[in-house]
Amino acid sequence: MSVFFVATMQVKDPEKLAAYRKAVGPMVRAMGAELVVKAQKMVDIKGETADGELLIFRFADEAAFRGWWDSAEYAELIPLRDAGADGVYTLFAD
């Protein structure tokens, strides 16, 4: 069963976020994930969400996602991610 990793991010430091993305991209692709959506918020229709961007990745299954998210290599990038953006990270299953 595929899982979808959804990140909503508010950029704090574009340079640090760019460095994070450069490092994390190959890691995510190595786990077989694909970027499904990358979009900027336009307007709230009902309710309110923070301004920022939305990213959705599809992983083959939760094990593939966990192989990346729980890895020591990814743990090293977390401080760079958090310096570059505030975010909410959610996993959904289809």
C-alpha atoms as a PDB file:
ATOM      1  CA  MET A   1       0.000   0.000   0.000  1.00  0.00           C
ATOM      2  CA  SER A   2       1.453   3.364  -1.033  1.00  0.00           C
ATOM      3  CA  VAL A   3       1.942   6.068   1.554  1.00  0.00           C
ATOM      4  CA  PHE A   4       2.024   9.812   1.002  1.00  0.00           C
ATOM      5  CA  PHE A   5       4.371  12.043   2.957  1.00  0.00           C
ATOM      6  CA  VAL A   6       2.895  15.544   3.129  1.00  0.00           C
ATOM      7  CA  ALA A   7       5.025  18.508   4.156  1.00  0.00           C
ATOM      8  CA  THR A   8       3.667  22.002   4.612  1.00  0.00           C
ATOM      9  CA  MET A   9       6.541  24.405   5.079  1.00  0.00           C
ATOM     10  CA  GLN A  10       7.004  28.071   5.888  1.00  0.00           C
ATOM     11  CA  VAL A  11      10.434  29.168   4.687  1.00  0.00           C
ATOM     12  CA  LYS A  12      12.632  30.970   7.229  1.00  0.00           C
ATOM     13  CA  ASP A  13      16.019  30.832   5.494  1.00  0.00           C
ATOM     14  CA  PRO A  14      15.930  30.137   1.742  1.00  0.00           C
ATOM     15  CA  GLU A  15      19.673  29.363   1.528  1.00  0.00           C
ATOM     16  CA  LYS A  16      19.562  26.759   4.284  1.00  0.00           C
ATOM     17  CA  LEU A  17      16.408  25.232   2.861  1.00  0.00           C
ATOM     18  CA  ALA A  18      18.044  25.025  -0.583  1.00  0.00           C
ATOM     19  CA  ALA A  19      21.059  23.241   0.944  1.00  0.00           C
ATOM     20  CA  TYR A  20      18.720  20.817   2.723  1.00  0.00           C
ATOM     21  CA  ARG A  21      16.810  20.085  -0.474  1.00  0.00           C
ATOM     22  CA  LYS A  22      20.019  19.494  -2.432  1.00  0.00           C
ATOM     23  CA  ALA A  23      21.089  16.886   0.131  1.00  0.00           C
ATOM     24  CA  VAL A  24      17.704  15.260   0.767  1.00  0.00           C
ATOM     25  CA  GLY A  25      16.598  14.887  -2.867  1.00  0.00           C
ATOM     26  CA  PRO A  26      18.932  12.000  -3.712  1.00  0.00           C
ATOM     27  CA  MET A  27      18.067  10.269  -0.424  1.00  0.00           C
ATOM     28  CA  VAL A  28      14.336  10.340  -1.160  1.00  0.00           C
ATOM     29  CA  ARG A  29      14.828   9.161  -4.749  1.00  0.00           C
ATOM     30  CA  ALA A  30      17.066   6.307  -3.530  1.00  0.00           C
ATOM     31  CA  MET A  31      14.108   5.051  -1.467  1.00  0.00           C
ATOM     32  CA  GLY A  32      11.985   4.969  -4.615  1.00  0.00           C
ATOM     33  CA  ALA A  33       9.874   7.972  -3.667  1.00  0.00           C
ATOM     34  CA  GLU A  34       8.485  10.416  -6.165  1.00  0.00           C
ATOM     35  CA  LEU A  35       7.531  14.044  -5.719  1.00  0.00           C
ATOM     36  CA  VAL A  36       3.842  14.213  -6.637  1.00  0.00           C
ATOM     37  CA  VAL A  37       3.039  17.842  -5.763  1.00  0.00           C
ATOM     38  CA  LYS A  38       5.058  20.974  -5.085  1.00  0.00           C
ATOM     39  CA  ALA A  39       2.828  24.027  -4.816  1.00  0.00           C
ATOM     40  CA  GLN A  40       2.634  27.456  -3.230  1.00  0.00           C
ATOM     41  CA  LYS A  41      -0.428  28.390  -1.200  1.00  0.00           C
ATOM     42  CA  MET A  42      -2.814  30.597  -3.138  1.00  0.00           C
ATOM     43  CA  VAL A  43      -5.805  31.358  -0.944  1.00  0.00           C
ATOM     44  CA  ASP A  44      -7.788  29.746   1.858  1.00  0.00           C
ATOM     45  CA  ILE A  45     -11.297  28.816   0.705  1.00  0.00           C
ATOM     46  CA  LYS A  46     -12.655  27.746   4.115  1.00  0.00           C
ATOM     47  CA  GLY A  47     -10.630  27.797   7.300  1.00  0.00           C
ATOM     48  CA  GLU A  48      -7.087  29.100   7.527  1.00  0.00           C
ATOM     49  CA  THR A  49      -3.676  27.567   6.968  1.00  0.00           C
ATOM     50  CA  ALA A  50      -0.250  29.142   7.240  1.00  0.00           C
ATOM     51  CA  ASP A  51       1.294  30.643   4.129  1.00  0.00           C
ATOM     52  CA  GLY A  52       3.974  28.517   2.551  1.00  0.00           C
ATOM     53  CA  GLU A  53       4.377  25.576   0.274  1.00  0.00           C
ATOM     54  CA  LEU A  54       3.017  22.084   0.045  1.00  0.00           C
ATOM     55  CA  LEU A  55       5.060  19.049  -0.929  1.00  0.00           C
ATOM     56  CA  ILE A  56       3.652  15.552  -1.364  1.00  0.00           C
ATOM     57  CA  PHE A  57       5.857  12.498  -1.914  1.00  0.00           C
ATOM     58  CA  ARG A  58       4.647   8.981  -2.718  1.00  0.00           C
ATOM     59  CA  PHE A  59       6.548   6.060  -1.207  1.00  0.00           C
ATOM     60  CA  ALA A  60       5.874   2.424  -2.115  1.00  0.00           C
ATOM     61  CA  ASP A  61       4.973   1.613   1.486  1.00  0.00           C
ATOM     62  CA  GLU A  62       5.552   2.694   5.067  1.00  0.00           C
ATOM     63  CA  ALA A  63       8.720   0.605   5.330  1.00  0.00           C
ATOM     64  CA  ALA A  64      10.282   2.558   2.452  1.00  0.00           C
ATOM     65  CA  PHE A  65       9.274   5.844   4.074  1.00  0.00           C
ATOM     66  CA  ARG A  66      10.641   4.762   7.467  1.00  0.00           C
ATOM     67  CA  GLY A  67      13.859   3.604   5.809  1.00  0.00           C
ATOM     68  CA  TRP A  68      14.450   7.218   4.847  1.00  0.00           C
ATOM     69  CA  TRP A  69      12.785   9.159   7.717  1.00  0.00           C
ATOM     70  CA  ASP A  70      14.386   7.069  10.492  1.00  0.00           C
ATOM     71  CA  SER A  71      17.828   6.816   8.878  1.00  0.00           C
ATOM     72  CA  ALA A  72      20.979   8.184  10.488  1.00  0.00           C
ATOM     73  CA  GLU A  73      21.754  10.016   7.233  1.00  0.00           C
ATOM     74  CA  TYR A  74      18.459  11.876   7.348  1.00  0.00           C
ATOM     75  CA  ALA A  75      18.851  12.636  11.069  1.00  0.00           C
ATOM     76  CA  GLU A  76      21.990  14.597  10.182  1.00  0.00           C
ATOM     77  CA  LEU A  77      19.913  16.872   7.903  1.00  0.00           C
ATOM     78  CA  ILE A  78      17.159  17.674  10.402  1.00  0.00           C
ATOM     79  CA  PRO A  79      18.939  20.696  11.941  1.00  0.00           C
ATOM     80  CA  LEU A  80      19.437  22.147   8.454  1.00  0.00           C
ATOM     81  CA  ARG A  81      15.770  21.505   7.595  1.00  0.00           C
ATOM     82  CA  ASP A  82      14.582  23.141  10.796  1.00  0.00           C
ATOM     83  CA  ALA A  83      16.875  26.148  10.291  1.00  0.00           C
ATOM     84  CA  GLY A  84      15.500  26.585   6.760  1.00  0.00           C
ATOM     85  CA  ALA A  85      11.790  26.191   7.429  1.00  0.00           C
ATOM     86  CA  ASP A  86       9.077  25.535   9.954  1.00  0.00           C
ATOM     87  CA  GLY A  87       6.941  22.642   8.892  1.00  0.00           C
ATOM     88  CA  VAL A  88       4.204  20.158   9.605  1.00  0.00           C
ATOM     89  CA  TYR A  89       4.935  16.629   8.385  1.00  0.00           C
ATOM     90  CA  THR A  90       2.199  14.023   8.001  1.00  0.00           C
ATOM     91  CA  LEU A  91       2.022  10.495   6.605  1.00  0.00           C
ATOM     92  CA  PHE A  92      -1.135   9.279   4.819  1.00  0.00           C
ATOM     93  CA  ALA A  93      -1.957   5.817   3.475  1.00  0.00           C
ATOM     94  CA  ASP A  94      -4.109   5.110   0.439  1.00  0.00           C
END
